[in-house]
Amino acid sequence: MIGSGFTPETRRALRVDISATLLFTVFAGLTGPFIALILRRELGATPLQLAVMSSACGACLLLSLLWARALHGRPPLPYLVWPGFMARSVFLLVPFVSSVWSFVGLVIARDFFGAAVAPAQAAVVERVYPRAQRGRALGLVRMAGAALGIGLALAAGQLFDRIGYRLIFVTAALLGMAASLRLRRLAVPEPDAADSEAPWGLRGAWETVRDDHAFRRLLVASFLFGFGCWIQTPAHPLLLVDVLQVSASQVGVLASVAAVSTLAGSAYWGWLVDRKSSLEALRVMYLIGATTPVIYYVAWSPWVLVASSVTDSLLSVGLELVWMMAVIDVAGPHRTAQYVAIGATLAGVRGIAGPLVGGLVIHAFGIHAVYLSAAILTFSGAWLVGRELRVRVPAPALTP
């Protein structure tokens, strides 16, 4: 039973959101942790191919402003449901994969459609959940998914060892598509076209970043931190497969640990953003995330990665919840989708450059040099957020 601390409207939304999240958790748990392992171990992907895949996925985020323009003045729910449906359906084609590039193409197609989801999701969250309850509500949704993910991750590792990835990806795709369809039951208030601002192009986005000082500082810190995350992406499969020789079962154990951490992190981040400034929560999240490349740098055994699974999962759920809350707080009513689109566009820029830079660093200096560089960048982003805490993002609103 969903807690009585929520309004009836919020409880109804949570029932739909949680059921969709449970379905999505199965999809994500059966696909995401194993993509890099499949590419490197099963298909023999090279560092260049892994870097190209990561950069192409980042490039898809450059479409965020176009998706935000398409969303303007329209109900956001269809832009959350149908692109997500398409993004998950591409894995129905995994049985026909015959090469690295064909598998990479499916991952890129997933991210192409997935780029539409972030602006629409932020707009739906802003309309469905009152500000005073938003952090706890989103935290509860993430906790439900994490609770399921604990056992799922252990089972998934065993399944990949026994069944093979092709059938598993098809099953996961069907469940992911069902999750998208379930979201159609959300009751989302219609946008007020009279109060919302006109959608922006690149010029409008630049003017917004130039004029909104708090948002600009947020973006600079995010760019440094995010670039540190992106340059690691081509290194992870190499570290797991070539250096530490991690098995699918061990990946399942690591994913299970990550799910436990996500369960705890969802409750903590939801509590923090409802009671503290979202910028304070962002600083804590960045500090936790900055320890991840340090752990990878010193890892001498697959089991050392248990620690990175904890920090990485806390970062992942924090990015999903805390970053969205910080942007919503900065944007205010009626500009949420546009602000999220600007952030996603810059994520696309660093998503293109980061993996390519990471690949070059690996070629020139080795895997561990990437993690050292990532640690410097991510701690720099955390330091900038801490330095700007005196410029407060609006702290928890006391009104819906």
Protein backbone atom coordinates (compact mmCIF):
# COMPACT_ATOMS: atom_id res chain seq x y z
CA MET A 1 0.00 0.00 0.00
CA ILE A 2 1.33 3.41 -0.99
CA GLY A 3 1.94 5.77 1.93
CA SER A 4 -0.82 8.00 3.22
CA GLY A 5 1.52 11.01 3.19
CA PHE A 6 0.66 11.58 -0.48
CA THR A 7 -2.42 13.19 -1.96
CA PRO A 8 -4.97 10.89 -3.66
CA GLU A 9 -3.86 12.15 -7.09
CA THR A 10 -0.23 11.39 -6.28
CA ARG A 11 -1.11 7.91 -5.02
CA ARG A 12 -2.96 7.14 -8.25
CA ALA A 13 0.01 8.32 -10.29
CA LEU A 14 2.39 6.26 -8.14
CA ARG A 15 0.41 3.06 -8.75
CA VAL A 16 0.84 3.48 -12.50
CA ASP A 17 4.42 4.68 -12.27
CA ILE A 18 5.54 1.87 -9.98
CA SER A 19 3.96 -0.86 -12.10
CA ALA A 20 5.62 0.56 -15.23
CA THR A 21 8.93 0.81 -13.38
CA LEU A 22 8.78 -2.84 -12.34
CA LEU A 23 8.36 -3.89 -15.97
CA PHE A 24 11.13 -1.53 -17.05
CA THR A 25 13.42 -2.88 -14.33
CA VAL A 26 13.22 -6.36 -15.83
CA PHE A 27 14.00 -4.92 -19.28
CA ALA A 28 16.94 -2.88 -18.02
CA GLY A 29 18.27 -5.63 -15.76
CA LEU A 30 18.34 -8.15 -18.60
CA THR A 31 20.02 -5.85 -21.10
CA GLY A 32 22.03 -2.90 -19.74
CA PRO A 33 24.61 -4.68 -17.55
CA PHE A 34 25.47 -7.16 -20.30
CA ILE A 35 25.75 -5.08 -23.48
CA ALA A 36 29.45 -4.31 -23.06
CA LEU A 37 30.19 -7.90 -22.05
CA ILE A 38 28.44 -9.25 -25.14
CA LEU A 39 30.16 -6.82 -27.47
CA ARG A 40 33.63 -7.56 -26.15
CA ARG A 41 33.44 -11.26 -25.21
CA GLU A 42 30.92 -12.68 -27.67
CA LEU A 43 31.41 -10.43 -30.70
CA GLY A 44 35.01 -9.28 -30.22
CA ALA A 45 34.43 -5.52 -30.33
CA THR A 46 37.57 -3.38 -30.56
CA PRO A 47 38.24 -0.29 -28.42
CA LEU A 48 37.51 1.86 -31.48
CA GLN A 49 34.13 0.22 -32.02
CA LEU A 50 33.24 0.67 -28.35
CA ALA A 51 34.26 4.33 -28.50
CA VAL A 52 32.26 4.92 -31.70
CA MET A 53 29.18 3.34 -30.13
CA SER A 54 29.45 5.52 -27.05
CA SER A 55 30.01 8.67 -29.13
CA ALA A 56 27.11 7.90 -31.44
CA CYS A 57 24.85 7.36 -28.45
CA GLY A 58 25.99 10.72 -27.10
CA ALA A 59 25.27 12.32 -30.46
CA CYS A 60 21.64 11.21 -30.16
CA LEU A 61 21.30 13.58 -27.20
CA LEU A 62 21.97 16.50 -29.55
CA LEU A 63 18.41 15.98 -30.77
CA SER A 64 17.02 16.97 -27.37
CA LEU A 65 16.25 20.58 -28.35
CA LEU A 66 14.36 19.33 -31.41
CA TRP A 67 12.36 16.95 -29.26
CA ALA A 68 11.60 19.79 -26.82
CA ARG A 69 10.36 21.95 -29.71
CA ALA A 70 8.13 19.13 -30.89
CA LEU A 71 6.78 18.76 -27.34
CA HIS A 72 5.94 22.46 -26.89
CA GLY A 73 2.24 23.17 -26.40
CA ARG A 74 1.33 19.49 -26.65
CA PRO A 75 0.55 16.87 -24.03
CA PRO A 76 3.92 15.42 -22.99
CA LEU A 77 2.74 11.89 -22.26
CA PRO A 78 2.78 10.57 -25.86
CA TYR A 79 6.38 11.81 -26.17
CA LEU A 80 7.22 9.74 -23.09
CA VAL A 81 5.32 6.61 -24.13
CA TRP A 82 5.97 6.06 -27.84
CA PRO A 83 9.67 6.94 -28.19
CA GLY A 84 10.33 4.72 -25.16
CA PHE A 85 8.27 1.97 -26.79
CA MET A 86 10.35 2.21 -29.96
CA ALA A 87 13.64 2.38 -28.03
CA ARG A 88 12.92 -0.93 -26.32
CA SER A 89 11.45 -2.65 -29.36
CA VAL A 90 14.75 -2.50 -31.29
CA PHE A 91 16.08 -5.35 -29.14
CA LEU A 92 13.53 -7.63 -30.81
CA LEU A 93 16.07 -7.70 -33.65
CA VAL A 94 18.94 -9.07 -31.54
CA PRO A 95 18.45 -12.67 -32.86
CA PHE A 96 19.39 -11.35 -36.30
CA VAL A 97 22.64 -9.75 -35.12
CA SER A 98 25.65 -11.21 -36.90
CA SER A 99 28.43 -8.70 -36.27
CA VAL A 100 29.67 -6.04 -33.87
CA TRP A 101 28.38 -3.20 -36.04
CA SER A 102 24.87 -4.63 -36.31
CA PHE A 103 24.64 -4.89 -32.51
CA VAL A 104 26.10 -1.40 -32.15
CA GLY A 105 23.47 -0.16 -34.61
CA LEU A 106 20.69 -1.49 -32.38
CA VAL A 107 22.16 0.23 -29.33
CA ILE A 108 22.38 3.50 -31.25
CA ALA A 109 18.76 3.12 -32.45
CA ARG A 110 17.69 2.59 -28.84
CA ASP A 111 19.41 5.81 -27.80
CA PHE A 112 18.03 7.73 -30.78
CA PHE A 113 14.46 7.12 -29.66
CA GLY A 114 15.44 7.37 -25.99
CA ALA A 115 16.65 10.94 -26.50
CA ALA A 116 13.01 12.06 -26.76
CA VAL A 117 12.15 10.64 -23.36
CA ALA A 118 14.10 12.99 -21.04
CA PRO A 119 12.33 16.31 -21.87
CA ALA A 120 8.95 14.59 -21.87
CA GLN A 121 9.63 12.75 -18.62
CA ALA A 122 10.66 15.96 -16.87
CA ALA A 123 7.50 17.71 -18.10
CA VAL A 124 5.31 14.81 -16.91
CA VAL A 125 7.01 14.70 -13.49
CA GLU A 126 6.64 18.47 -13.07
CA ARG A 127 2.88 18.27 -13.78
CA VAL A 128 2.02 15.02 -12.02
CA TYR A 129 3.94 15.31 -8.72
CA PRO A 130 3.64 18.40 -6.46
CA ARG A 131 7.02 19.91 -5.54
CA ALA A 132 6.63 19.24 -1.82
CA GLN A 133 6.09 15.51 -2.50
CA ARG A 134 8.16 15.10 -5.66
CA GLY A 135 11.38 13.81 -4.14
CA ARG A 136 9.71 11.21 -1.94
CA ALA A 137 7.41 10.11 -4.75
CA LEU A 138 10.22 9.61 -7.24
CA GLY A 139 12.33 7.96 -4.56
CA LEU A 140 9.52 5.47 -3.86
CA VAL A 141 9.25 4.64 -7.56
CA ARG A 142 13.01 4.01 -7.81
CA MET A 143 12.96 1.93 -4.61
CA ALA A 144 10.29 -0.36 -6.06
CA GLY A 145 12.41 -0.97 -9.13
CA ALA A 146 15.56 -1.50 -7.10
CA ALA A 147 13.87 -4.06 -4.81
CA LEU A 148 12.95 -6.17 -7.84
CA GLY A 149 16.38 -5.65 -9.36
CA ILE A 150 18.21 -7.27 -6.43
CA GLY A 151 17.09 -10.82 -7.18
CA LEU A 152 16.77 -10.20 -10.91
CA ALA A 153 20.43 -9.30 -11.28
CA LEU A 154 21.60 -12.56 -9.70
CA ALA A 155 19.23 -14.59 -11.87
CA ALA A 156 20.20 -12.68 -15.02
CA GLY A 157 23.87 -13.59 -14.69
CA GLN A 158 22.95 -17.28 -14.46
CA LEU A 159 20.55 -17.01 -17.39
CA PHE A 160 23.19 -15.54 -19.68
CA ASP A 161 25.53 -18.42 -18.86
CA ARG A 162 22.85 -21.04 -19.59
CA ILE A 163 20.46 -19.67 -22.23
CA GLY A 164 22.38 -17.13 -24.29
CA TYR A 165 21.72 -13.47 -24.86
CA ARG A 166 19.53 -13.53 -28.00
CA LEU A 167 16.36 -15.00 -26.46
CA ILE A 168 16.88 -13.00 -23.27
CA PHE A 169 17.04 -9.70 -25.17
CA VAL A 170 13.81 -10.47 -27.04
CA THR A 171 11.98 -11.27 -23.81
CA ALA A 172 13.35 -8.12 -22.21
CA ALA A 173 12.24 -6.02 -25.18
CA LEU A 174 8.64 -7.22 -24.85
CA LEU A 175 8.57 -6.36 -21.15
CA GLY A 176 10.11 -2.95 -21.82
CA MET A 177 7.46 -2.21 -24.45
CA ALA A 178 4.76 -3.21 -21.96
CA ALA A 179 6.25 -0.75 -19.46
CA SER A 180 5.87 2.09 -21.96
CA LEU A 181 2.27 1.17 -22.71
CA ARG A 182 1.45 1.08 -19.00
CA LEU A 183 2.41 4.77 -18.69
CA ARG A 184 -0.57 5.69 -20.88
CA ARG A 185 -2.69 5.33 -17.73
CA LEU A 186 -1.07 8.38 -16.10
CA ALA A 187 -3.39 11.36 -15.68
CA VAL A 188 -1.28 14.32 -16.78
CA PRO A 189 -2.73 17.86 -16.57
CA GLU A 190 -2.86 19.61 -19.93
CA PRO A 191 -0.16 22.23 -20.55
CA ASP A 192 -1.22 25.87 -20.31
CA ALA A 193 -0.14 27.28 -23.66
CA ALA A 194 -0.81 30.84 -22.55
CA ASP A 195 1.72 30.65 -19.72
CA SER A 196 4.44 28.59 -21.40
CA GLU A 197 7.33 30.11 -23.30
CA ALA A 198 7.90 29.62 -26.99
CA PRO A 199 10.24 26.72 -27.81
CA TRP A 200 13.87 27.59 -28.40
CA GLY A 201 16.36 26.85 -31.11
CA LEU A 202 20.11 26.97 -30.63
CA ARG A 203 20.09 30.77 -30.41
CA GLY A 204 17.40 30.79 -27.74
CA ALA A 205 19.22 28.10 -25.81
CA TRP A 206 22.44 30.15 -25.92
CA GLU A 207 20.63 33.26 -24.69
CA THR A 208 19.13 31.28 -21.82
CA VAL A 209 22.51 29.93 -20.75
CA ARG A 210 24.02 33.41 -21.06
CA ASP A 211 21.34 35.16 -19.03
CA ASP A 212 20.55 32.56 -16.36
CA HIS A 213 23.65 32.63 -14.16
CA ALA A 214 22.57 29.86 -11.78
CA PHE A 215 21.78 27.54 -14.69
CA ARG A 216 25.09 28.35 -16.39
CA ARG A 217 27.08 27.46 -13.28
CA LEU A 218 25.09 24.25 -12.99
CA LEU A 219 25.91 23.38 -16.60
CA VAL A 220 29.65 24.07 -16.25
CA ALA A 221 29.93 21.77 -13.24
CA SER A 222 27.80 19.18 -14.99
CA PHE A 223 29.95 19.36 -18.12
CA LEU A 224 33.16 18.70 -16.21
CA PHE A 225 31.65 15.87 -14.21
CA GLY A 226 29.85 14.36 -17.19
CA PHE A 227 32.94 14.50 -19.41
CA GLY A 228 34.79 12.57 -16.73
CA CYS A 229 32.05 9.93 -16.85
CA TRP A 230 31.96 9.69 -20.66
CA ILE A 231 35.70 9.22 -21.19
CA GLN A 232 35.49 6.04 -19.11
CA THR A 233 32.95 4.30 -21.34
CA PRO A 234 35.38 2.62 -23.79
CA ALA A 235 37.60 1.55 -20.88
CA HIS A 236 34.98 -0.38 -18.91
CA PRO A 237 34.60 -3.40 -21.25
CA LEU A 238 38.38 -3.65 -21.59
CA LEU A 239 38.89 -3.57 -17.83
CA LEU A 240 36.13 -6.12 -17.20
CA VAL A 241 37.00 -8.60 -19.96
CA ASP A 242 40.70 -8.18 -20.70
CA VAL A 243 42.16 -7.12 -17.34
CA LEU A 244 39.87 -8.61 -14.67
CA GLN A 245 38.28 -11.39 -16.80
CA VAL A 246 34.83 -10.94 -15.27
CA SER A 247 32.26 -13.68 -15.97
CA ALA A 248 28.56 -13.20 -16.68
CA SER A 249 27.74 -14.63 -13.23
CA GLN A 250 30.03 -12.09 -11.60
CA VAL A 251 28.36 -9.31 -13.60
CA GLY A 252 25.07 -10.55 -12.17
CA VAL A 253 26.43 -10.35 -8.63
CA LEU A 254 27.73 -6.83 -9.24
CA ALA A 255 24.37 -5.81 -10.69
CA SER A 256 22.62 -7.25 -7.63
CA VAL A 257 24.84 -5.20 -5.34
CA ALA A 258 24.04 -2.18 -7.48
CA ALA A 259 20.32 -2.87 -7.08
CA VAL A 260 20.65 -2.97 -3.28
CA SER A 261 22.51 0.34 -3.40
CA THR A 262 19.86 1.80 -5.69
CA LEU A 263 17.20 0.81 -3.17
CA ALA A 264 19.00 2.67 -0.41
CA GLY A 265 19.99 5.55 -2.68
CA SER A 266 16.45 6.13 -3.93
CA ALA A 267 15.23 6.63 -0.37
CA TYR A 268 18.18 8.84 0.54
CA TRP A 269 18.08 11.10 -2.53
CA GLY A 270 14.30 11.47 -2.25
CA TRP A 271 14.66 12.49 1.39
CA LEU A 272 17.55 14.86 0.67
CA VAL A 273 15.97 16.82 -2.18
CA ASP A 274 12.73 17.27 -0.23
CA ARG A 275 14.53 18.64 2.85
CA LYS A 276 17.66 20.32 1.48
CA SER A 277 18.57 22.39 -1.53
CA SER A 278 18.72 20.30 -4.69
CA LEU A 279 22.15 21.87 -5.26
CA GLU A 280 23.37 20.45 -1.94
CA ALA A 281 22.10 17.04 -3.01
CA LEU A 282 23.91 17.48 -6.33
CA ARG A 283 27.21 18.20 -4.54
CA VAL A 284 26.90 15.05 -2.43
CA MET A 285 26.02 13.02 -5.52
CA TYR A 286 29.03 14.32 -7.46
CA LEU A 287 31.40 13.52 -4.58
CA ILE A 288 30.11 9.96 -4.42
CA GLY A 289 30.32 9.57 -8.19
CA ALA A 290 33.87 10.93 -8.30
CA THR A 291 35.10 8.00 -6.21
CA THR A 292 34.09 5.50 -8.92
CA PRO A 293 37.03 6.06 -11.31
CA VAL A 294 39.38 5.90 -8.32
CA ILE A 295 38.03 2.43 -7.51
CA TYR A 296 38.42 1.32 -11.12
CA TYR A 297 41.97 2.68 -11.12
CA VAL A 298 43.06 0.56 -8.15
CA ALA A 299 40.94 -2.55 -8.94
CA TRP A 300 43.02 -5.76 -8.86
CA SER A 301 40.14 -8.26 -8.65
CA PRO A 302 36.55 -8.45 -9.95
CA TRP A 303 35.33 -8.30 -6.36
CA VAL A 304 36.88 -4.87 -5.84
CA LEU A 305 34.24 -3.69 -8.30
CA VAL A 306 31.60 -4.33 -5.64
CA ALA A 307 32.59 -0.92 -4.25
CA SER A 308 32.28 0.74 -7.67
CA SER A 309 28.88 -0.94 -8.14
CA VAL A 310 27.72 0.81 -4.97
CA THR A 311 29.04 4.25 -5.92
CA ASP A 312 28.02 3.94 -9.57
CA SER A 313 24.45 2.92 -8.71
CA LEU A 314 24.12 5.74 -6.18
CA LEU A 315 25.30 8.10 -8.92
CA SER A 316 22.94 6.65 -11.53
CA VAL A 317 19.82 6.96 -9.42
CA GLY A 318 21.02 10.38 -8.26
CA LEU A 319 21.50 11.61 -11.81
CA GLU A 320 18.00 10.48 -12.66
CA LEU A 321 16.40 12.09 -9.62
CA VAL A 322 18.64 14.85 -8.25
CA TRP A 323 19.68 16.34 -11.58
CA MET A 324 16.07 16.46 -12.74
CA MET A 325 15.01 18.12 -9.50
CA ALA A 326 17.82 20.68 -9.73
CA VAL A 327 16.88 21.59 -13.30
CA ILE A 328 13.18 21.79 -12.45
CA ASP A 329 14.00 24.07 -9.51
CA VAL A 330 16.12 26.35 -11.71
CA ALA A 331 13.69 26.37 -14.61
CA GLY A 332 10.51 27.02 -12.67
CA PRO A 333 7.07 26.29 -14.13
CA HIS A 334 6.59 26.06 -17.90
CA ARG A 335 10.29 25.89 -18.88
CA THR A 336 11.23 22.46 -17.56
CA ALA A 337 11.33 20.61 -20.89
CA GLN A 338 13.46 23.33 -22.50
CA TYR A 339 15.98 23.41 -19.65
CA VAL A 340 16.24 19.63 -19.59
CA ALA A 341 16.77 19.69 -23.37
CA ILE A 342 19.65 22.18 -23.01
CA GLY A 343 21.29 19.96 -20.41
CA ALA A 344 20.80 16.89 -22.59
CA THR A 345 22.22 18.68 -25.63
CA LEU A 346 25.41 19.50 -23.75
CA ALA A 347 25.46 15.89 -22.56
CA GLY A 348 25.40 14.97 -26.24
CA VAL A 349 28.41 17.19 -26.94
CA ARG A 350 30.47 15.59 -24.20
CA GLY A 351 29.00 12.22 -25.15
CA ILE A 352 30.49 12.55 -28.62
CA ALA A 353 33.88 13.86 -27.56
CA GLY A 354 34.33 11.96 -24.29
CA PRO A 355 34.47 8.36 -25.57
CA LEU A 356 36.71 9.35 -28.49
CA VAL A 357 39.09 11.15 -26.13
CA GLY A 358 38.94 8.11 -23.84
CA GLY A 359 39.82 5.83 -26.74
CA LEU A 360 42.79 8.00 -27.66
CA VAL A 361 44.00 8.04 -24.06
CA ILE A 362 43.74 4.25 -23.90
CA HIS A 363 45.72 3.90 -27.13
CA ALA A 364 48.43 6.31 -25.99
CA PHE A 365 48.71 5.69 -22.24
CA GLY A 366 46.63 2.63 -21.32
CA ILE A 367 43.37 1.95 -19.50
CA HIS A 368 44.38 3.26 -16.10
CA ALA A 369 45.26 6.71 -17.48
CA VAL A 370 41.59 7.11 -18.44
CA TYR A 371 40.44 6.50 -14.88
CA LEU A 372 43.01 8.93 -13.47
CA SER A 373 41.83 11.64 -15.88
CA ALA A 374 38.19 10.86 -15.05
CA ALA A 375 38.85 11.22 -11.32
CA ILE A 376 40.39 14.67 -11.82
CA LEU A 377 37.45 15.86 -13.95
CA THR A 378 34.71 14.50 -11.70
CA PHE A 379 36.23 15.87 -8.50
CA SER A 380 36.56 19.24 -10.29
CA GLY A 381 32.83 19.20 -11.05
CA ALA A 382 32.04 18.37 -7.42
CA TRP A 383 34.31 21.21 -6.25
CA LEU A 384 32.54 23.72 -8.51
CA VAL A 385 29.12 22.75 -7.17
CA GLY A 386 30.39 23.11 -3.61
CA ARG A 387 31.90 26.50 -4.44
CA GLU A 388 28.60 27.76 -5.77
CA LEU A 389 26.46 26.56 -2.89
CA ARG A 390 26.16 30.17 -1.75
CA VAL A 391 24.19 30.80 -4.96
CA ARG A 392 21.30 28.71 -3.89
CA VAL A 393 19.04 26.82 -6.21
CA PRO A 394 15.56 27.27 -4.69
CA ALA A 395 15.39 24.97 -1.67
CA PRO A 396 12.47 22.68 -1.07
CA ALA A 397 9.28 24.45 -1.88
CA LEU A 398 6.71 24.43 0.85
CA THR A 399 3.82 24.68 -1.55
CA PRO A 400 2.71 22.16 -4.17
